[in-house]
Amino acid sequence: MDTVRIAVVGAGVMGLSTAVCISKMVPGCSITVISDKFTPETTSDVAAGMLIPPTYPGERGIFAPLKFFHLMCLSWQIFRSIPTEEVPYWADVVLGFRKMTKDELKKFPQHVFGHAFTTLKCEGPTYLPWLQKRLKGSGGLILTRRIEDLWELHPSFDIVVNCSGLGSRQLAGDSQIFPVRGQVLKVQAPWVKHFIRDSSGLTYIYPGVSNVTLGGTRQKGDWNLSPDAEISKEILSRCCALEPSLRGAYDLREKVGLRPSRPGVRLEKELLAQGSRRLPVVHHYGHGSGGIAMHWGTALEATRLVNECVQVLRTPAPKSKL
């Protein structure tokens, strides 16, 4: 086999980063990213993109290298009670981690403990076009198309990488993946310089290059992509309680994204079979709210699995001895 034809289904941060990794690390392949939605219409475009490593059941994950995060934020994570784990496992991943001082906590009278650190931010609306440009520069192709069944890609492609997120309910028959709805506000408040996050993860203020993200919600099983005006009012009220100057924020825009969540990230190979036909698939999805923080690390692992599939395809079948 000469060129191995690889289709990557999905054009969020998982699909694009995986496609770029494959193009750089697996020689002799052609890469095509196929999706019905591209930036700025993906969930990754809504994500705040803060580097706060998530914890998945039974694993702590593979973080994305810091070089893919391009904005530095001074951060406060505040608690209404002292946490069991005062120093989290990710303390050495962020920069300058320490406990907040009593003077710093005076700003938040309803909170008794906090973490102070510097972390990084990766903004989807800027990062995804950069990934697409990098992929095209390596000879990769972009195809706008809705895939209803992975078998549609056979025999045009030799290997499929499934980064379809919630689409995997249909494409992979995965009943374990479900949406966690997140509604946020993108506002103009250029005077806000500190990231502030309540330990519940439901109330947060994340300053960015072009706006400040105010959040949020975590609504399991909710597929509604339409903004809820009452929720927006509640989000603004909660954030103003932490940072009163946000009452002066302007140009408020509502955004909704559906986090592709499951009990654990699915990162594995599967060989689909239909009669005599075979289709190697690498599944790479289900990161929930941790996609931006984890994407490059898991993309590298997905690339390793793709390379294993390529090596199998390139290994000549043994000749029968008659």
Protein backbone atom coordinates (compact mmCIF):
# COMPACT_ATOMS: atom_id res chain seq x y z
CA MET A 1 0.00 0.00 0.00
CA ASP A 2 1.36 3.42 -0.97
CA THR A 3 -0.57 6.34 0.53
CA VAL A 4 -2.84 5.47 3.45
CA ARG A 5 -6.03 7.52 3.24
CA ILE A 6 -7.21 8.75 6.65
CA ALA A 7 -10.52 10.47 7.38
CA VAL A 8 -10.92 12.44 10.60
CA VAL A 9 -14.59 12.97 11.44
CA GLY A 10 -15.14 16.13 13.47
CA ALA A 11 -13.63 19.62 13.26
CA GLY A 12 -13.57 20.77 16.86
CA VAL A 13 -10.34 20.99 18.81
CA MET A 14 -10.09 17.17 19.01
CA GLY A 15 -10.53 16.53 15.31
CA LEU A 16 -8.24 19.31 14.09
CA SER A 17 -5.45 18.70 16.60
CA THR A 18 -5.51 14.97 15.87
CA ALA A 19 -5.39 15.61 12.13
CA VAL A 20 -2.40 17.94 12.56
CA CYS A 21 -0.59 15.39 14.76
CA ILE A 22 -1.15 12.62 12.22
CA SER A 23 0.05 14.82 9.36
CA LYS A 24 3.29 15.51 11.23
CA MET A 25 3.98 12.11 12.76
CA VAL A 26 2.62 9.42 10.43
CA PRO A 27 4.42 9.52 7.05
CA GLY A 28 2.88 8.39 3.80
CA CYS A 29 -0.69 9.37 4.66
CA SER A 30 -3.32 11.69 3.23
CA ILE A 31 -5.54 13.43 5.79
CA THR A 32 -9.08 14.67 5.22
CA VAL A 33 -11.10 16.34 7.99
CA ILE A 34 -14.83 15.84 7.42
CA SER A 35 -17.52 17.69 9.36
CA ASP A 36 -20.83 19.45 8.89
CA LYS A 37 -19.66 22.23 11.25
CA PHE A 38 -16.43 24.18 11.34
CA THR A 39 -15.26 27.18 13.34
CA PRO A 40 -16.93 29.40 14.50
CA GLU A 41 -19.86 26.98 14.84
CA THR A 42 -18.25 24.32 17.07
CA THR A 43 -18.46 23.69 20.80
CA SER A 44 -14.73 24.48 20.98
CA ASP A 45 -15.54 28.04 19.85
CA VAL A 46 -17.74 28.53 22.93
CA ALA A 47 -15.31 27.01 25.44
CA ALA A 48 -13.45 29.46 27.66
CA GLY A 49 -10.28 27.43 27.10
CA MET A 50 -8.64 27.77 30.49
CA LEU A 51 -5.85 25.40 31.47
CA ILE A 52 -7.34 23.84 34.59
CA PRO A 53 -6.66 20.11 34.26
CA PRO A 54 -9.79 17.99 34.77
CA THR A 55 -9.98 14.67 36.57
CA TYR A 56 -11.62 11.76 34.79
CA PRO A 57 -12.71 8.60 36.63
CA GLY A 58 -9.66 6.45 37.26
CA GLU A 59 -7.28 8.75 35.42
CA ARG A 60 -5.69 12.16 35.60
CA GLY A 61 -5.22 12.63 31.90
CA ILE A 62 -2.59 13.83 29.48
CA PHE A 63 -2.29 17.59 29.39
CA ALA A 64 -1.78 19.72 26.32
CA PRO A 65 1.69 21.33 26.17
CA LEU A 66 1.79 24.94 27.35
CA LYS A 67 2.93 26.17 23.93
CA PHE A 68 -0.62 25.78 22.62
CA PHE A 69 -1.99 28.27 25.14
CA HIS A 70 -1.37 31.86 24.18
CA LEU A 71 -2.80 34.12 26.90
CA MET A 72 -1.59 34.26 30.49
CA CYS A 73 -4.13 34.91 33.26
CA LEU A 74 -3.64 35.70 36.93
CA SER A 75 -6.08 33.42 38.68
CA TRP A 76 -8.06 33.08 41.87
CA GLN A 77 -10.05 29.94 42.65
CA ILE A 78 -12.16 30.50 45.74
CA PHE A 79 -13.92 28.15 48.18
CA ARG A 80 -16.81 28.59 50.61
CA SER A 81 -15.27 25.92 52.85
CA ILE A 82 -11.75 24.56 53.16
CA PRO A 83 -11.33 21.74 50.61
CA THR A 84 -10.15 18.27 51.57
CA GLU A 85 -7.31 18.62 49.07
CA GLU A 86 -5.82 22.05 49.77
CA VAL A 87 -3.12 21.53 47.14
CA PRO A 88 -4.62 19.90 44.01
CA TYR A 89 -2.73 17.37 41.93
CA TRP A 90 -2.37 19.90 39.11
CA ALA A 91 -0.58 22.50 41.26
CA ASP A 92 2.70 21.88 39.45
CA VAL A 93 1.05 22.19 36.01
CA VAL A 94 0.05 25.83 36.48
CA LEU A 95 2.52 28.58 37.33
CA GLY A 96 3.28 30.01 40.78
CA PHE A 97 0.65 28.04 42.67
CA ARG A 98 0.04 29.18 46.27
CA LYS A 99 -2.77 29.62 48.77
CA MET A 100 -4.51 32.98 48.70
CA THR A 101 -3.60 35.45 51.43
CA LYS A 102 -6.07 36.82 53.98
CA ASP A 103 -5.91 40.20 52.25
CA GLU A 104 -6.78 38.65 48.90
CA LEU A 105 -9.71 36.74 50.44
CA LYS A 106 -11.17 39.98 51.82
CA LYS A 107 -12.39 40.68 48.30
CA PHE A 108 -14.64 37.60 48.61
CA PRO A 109 -16.36 37.75 52.03
CA GLN A 110 -18.47 34.64 51.34
CA HIS A 111 -15.35 32.52 50.78
CA VAL A 112 -12.84 31.26 53.33
CA PHE A 113 -10.08 29.69 51.24
CA GLY A 114 -8.55 30.09 47.82
CA HIS A 115 -5.86 29.17 45.34
CA ALA A 116 -3.78 31.79 43.55
CA PHE A 117 -1.83 30.89 40.44
CA THR A 118 -1.10 31.91 36.88
CA THR A 119 -2.58 29.80 34.13
CA LEU A 120 -2.98 29.97 30.38
CA LYS A 121 -5.88 30.38 28.00
CA CYS A 122 -6.45 29.00 24.51
CA GLU A 123 -9.24 30.71 22.56
CA GLY A 124 -11.10 28.52 20.08
CA PRO A 125 -12.07 31.26 17.59
CA THR A 126 -8.37 32.03 17.12
CA TYR A 127 -6.87 28.58 17.65
CA LEU A 128 -9.14 26.51 15.39
CA PRO A 129 -8.44 28.58 12.24
CA TRP A 130 -4.72 28.29 13.07
CA LEU A 131 -5.03 24.49 13.25
CA GLN A 132 -6.91 24.43 9.94
CA LYS A 133 -4.22 26.56 8.30
CA ARG A 134 -1.50 24.30 9.69
CA LEU A 135 -3.28 21.20 8.43
CA LYS A 136 -3.73 22.64 4.94
CA GLY A 137 -0.07 23.67 4.95
CA SER A 138 0.81 19.99 5.47
CA GLY A 139 -1.34 18.94 2.53
CA GLY A 140 -4.47 18.07 4.53
CA LEU A 141 -7.94 18.57 3.10
CA ILE A 142 -11.11 20.02 4.62
CA LEU A 143 -14.49 18.66 3.54
CA THR A 144 -17.88 19.97 4.65
CA ARG A 145 -20.19 16.99 4.80
CA ARG A 146 -22.53 15.37 7.29
CA ILE A 147 -21.67 11.74 8.01
CA GLU A 148 -24.57 9.50 9.03
CA ASP A 149 -22.64 6.21 9.17
CA LEU A 150 -18.88 5.57 9.34
CA TRP A 151 -19.28 2.95 6.60
CA GLU A 152 -20.02 5.82 4.19
CA LEU A 153 -16.26 6.46 4.25
CA HIS A 154 -15.40 2.96 3.00
CA PRO A 155 -13.73 2.27 0.57
CA SER A 156 -12.71 5.89 -0.07
CA PHE A 157 -10.66 5.87 3.15
CA ASP A 158 -8.49 3.18 4.74
CA ILE A 159 -8.70 4.42 8.36
CA VAL A 160 -11.28 6.57 10.14
CA VAL A 161 -10.57 8.66 13.24
CA ASN A 162 -13.81 9.37 15.07
CA CYS A 163 -13.64 12.76 16.80
CA SER A 164 -17.35 13.45 16.41
CA GLY A 165 -18.09 14.08 20.08
CA LEU A 166 -21.82 13.83 20.68
CA GLY A 167 -22.19 12.53 17.14
CA SER A 168 -20.76 9.27 18.44
CA ARG A 169 -24.16 8.38 19.86
CA GLN A 170 -25.14 7.68 16.27
CA LEU A 171 -21.83 7.02 14.53
CA ALA A 172 -20.40 4.67 17.18
CA GLY A 173 -23.62 3.54 18.85
CA ASP A 174 -22.30 4.94 22.13
CA SER A 175 -25.17 5.35 24.59
CA GLN A 176 -22.74 6.46 27.31
CA ILE A 177 -22.05 9.87 25.77
CA PHE A 178 -24.40 12.69 26.68
CA PRO A 179 -24.51 16.50 26.48
CA VAL A 180 -23.76 18.80 29.38
CA ARG A 181 -25.18 22.14 28.31
CA GLY A 182 -23.09 25.20 29.00
CA GLN A 183 -24.42 28.71 28.62
CA VAL A 184 -22.06 31.68 28.94
CA LEU A 185 -21.91 35.39 28.31
CA LYS A 186 -19.17 37.01 26.25
CA VAL A 187 -18.89 40.62 27.40
CA GLN A 188 -16.67 43.64 26.98
CA ALA A 189 -14.98 44.50 30.29
CA PRO A 190 -11.34 45.25 29.40
CA TRP A 191 -10.54 46.39 32.94
CA VAL A 192 -11.00 42.83 34.26
CA LYS A 193 -7.57 41.17 34.37
CA HIS A 194 -7.99 38.37 36.92
CA PHE A 195 -9.52 34.97 36.27
CA ILE A 196 -11.98 34.28 39.14
CA ARG A 197 -13.57 30.87 39.60
CA ASP A 198 -15.83 29.59 42.35
CA SER A 199 -14.75 26.11 43.38
CA SER A 200 -18.10 24.67 42.22
CA GLY A 201 -17.04 25.49 38.67
CA LEU A 202 -20.45 27.00 37.96
CA THR A 203 -19.52 30.64 38.44
CA TYR A 204 -16.45 31.98 36.68
CA ILE A 205 -14.95 35.09 35.12
CA TYR A 206 -12.34 34.41 32.44
CA PRO A 207 -10.73 37.43 30.73
CA GLY A 208 -9.57 36.88 27.17
CA VAL A 209 -8.03 38.75 24.26
CA SER A 210 -11.26 40.09 22.76
CA ASN A 211 -13.81 39.64 25.57
CA VAL A 212 -14.48 38.28 29.05
CA THR A 213 -16.33 34.98 29.44
CA LEU A 214 -18.88 34.83 32.25
CA GLY A 215 -20.34 31.50 33.25
CA GLY A 216 -22.00 29.35 33.54
CA THR A 217 -24.21 26.27 33.60
CA ARG A 218 -23.75 22.52 33.75
CA GLN A 219 -27.06 21.01 32.55
CA LYS A 220 -26.75 17.27 32.04
CA GLY A 221 -28.80 15.74 29.25
CA ASP A 222 -29.98 19.12 27.91
CA TRP A 223 -29.67 19.38 24.09
CA ASN A 224 -31.07 22.93 23.83
CA LEU A 225 -28.71 25.23 21.90
CA SER A 226 -30.91 28.31 22.27
CA PRO A 227 -29.83 30.84 24.94
CA ASP A 228 -32.13 31.26 27.94
CA ALA A 229 -32.54 34.92 28.91
CA GLU A 230 -33.29 34.10 32.56
CA ILE A 231 -30.15 31.99 32.84
CA SER A 232 -28.13 34.86 31.35
CA LYS A 233 -29.48 37.22 34.01
CA GLU A 234 -28.58 34.73 36.74
CA ILE A 235 -25.05 34.26 35.37
CA LEU A 236 -24.48 38.02 35.27
CA SER A 237 -25.81 38.39 38.82
CA ARG A 238 -23.53 35.64 40.17
CA CYS A 239 -20.49 37.06 38.43
CA CYS A 240 -21.22 40.60 39.60
CA ALA A 241 -21.33 39.28 43.17
CA LEU A 242 -17.69 38.21 42.72
CA GLU A 243 -16.60 41.19 40.61
CA PRO A 244 -18.98 44.19 41.10
CA SER A 245 -17.31 46.18 38.32
CA LEU A 246 -18.94 43.81 35.82
CA ARG A 247 -22.13 45.84 36.24
CA GLY A 248 -20.44 48.17 33.78
CA ALA A 249 -19.81 45.44 31.19
CA TYR A 250 -21.19 46.10 27.73
CA ASP A 251 -21.83 44.33 24.41
CA LEU A 252 -23.19 41.22 26.13
CA ARG A 253 -23.50 38.18 23.86
CA GLU A 254 -25.04 34.84 24.81
CA LYS A 255 -23.37 31.59 23.74
CA VAL A 256 -24.35 27.95 24.25
CA GLY A 257 -22.26 24.82 23.80
CA LEU A 258 -22.91 21.14 24.49
CA ARG A 259 -19.99 19.45 26.21
CA PRO A 260 -19.54 15.86 24.94
CA SER A 261 -19.41 13.99 28.24
CA ARG A 262 -19.19 10.32 29.20
CA PRO A 263 -17.90 8.34 32.22
CA GLY A 264 -14.40 8.39 30.69
CA VAL A 265 -12.68 9.55 27.53
CA ARG A 266 -12.96 6.99 24.74
CA LEU A 267 -9.51 6.61 23.18
CA GLU A 268 -9.17 3.22 21.52
CA LYS A 269 -9.06 1.23 18.29
CA GLU A 270 -11.96 -0.72 16.85
CA LEU A 271 -12.09 -2.87 13.72
CA LEU A 272 -15.52 -2.61 12.11
CA ALA A 273 -16.62 -5.55 10.03
CA GLN A 274 -19.40 -6.02 7.45
CA GLY A 275 -19.16 -9.33 5.69
CA SER A 276 -15.72 -9.38 4.10
CA ARG A 277 -15.22 -5.62 4.52
CA ARG A 278 -13.02 -4.21 7.29
CA LEU A 279 -12.69 -0.61 8.48
CA PRO A 280 -10.14 0.33 11.18
CA VAL A 281 -11.45 3.10 13.44
CA VAL A 282 -9.69 5.08 16.16
CA HIS A 283 -12.15 6.65 18.59
CA HIS A 284 -11.12 9.92 20.26
CA TYR A 285 -13.95 11.69 22.07
CA GLY A 286 -15.80 12.25 25.33
CA HIS A 287 -13.59 14.84 27.07
CA GLY A 288 -16.50 16.84 28.52
CA SER A 289 -15.36 20.21 29.82
CA GLY A 290 -11.68 19.19 29.70
CA GLY A 291 -11.19 19.18 25.95
CA ILE A 292 -9.04 22.28 25.57
CA ALA A 293 -6.84 21.39 28.54
CA MET A 294 -6.32 17.82 27.33
CA HIS A 295 -6.51 18.01 23.55
CA TRP A 296 -2.90 17.79 22.42
CA GLY A 297 -1.94 15.08 24.86
CA THR A 298 -4.80 12.81 23.83
CA ALA A 299 -4.31 13.72 20.16
CA LEU A 300 -0.77 12.35 20.43
CA GLU A 301 -2.13 9.12 21.90
CA ALA A 302 -4.75 8.89 19.13
CA THR A 303 -1.96 9.41 16.59
CA ARG A 304 -0.04 6.51 18.12
CA LEU A 305 -3.09 4.29 17.65
CA VAL A 306 -3.49 5.48 14.05
CA ASN A 307 0.14 4.62 13.40
CA GLU A 308 -0.48 1.10 14.69
CA CYS A 309 -3.38 0.76 12.24
CA VAL A 310 -1.17 2.03 9.41
CA GLN A 311 1.52 -0.51 10.22
CA VAL A 312 -1.03 -3.33 10.11
CA LEU A 313 -2.27 -2.18 6.69
CA ARG A 314 1.28 -2.04 5.38
CA THR A 315 2.20 -5.50 6.65
CA PRO A 316 1.83 -8.00 3.81
CA ALA A 317 -0.64 -10.79 4.48
CA PRO A 318 1.12 -14.16 4.93
CA LYS A 319 0.98 -16.37 1.85
CA SER A 320 -0.86 -19.61 2.31
CA LYS A 321 1.23 -22.74 2.01
CA LEU A 322 -0.46 -25.38 -0.07
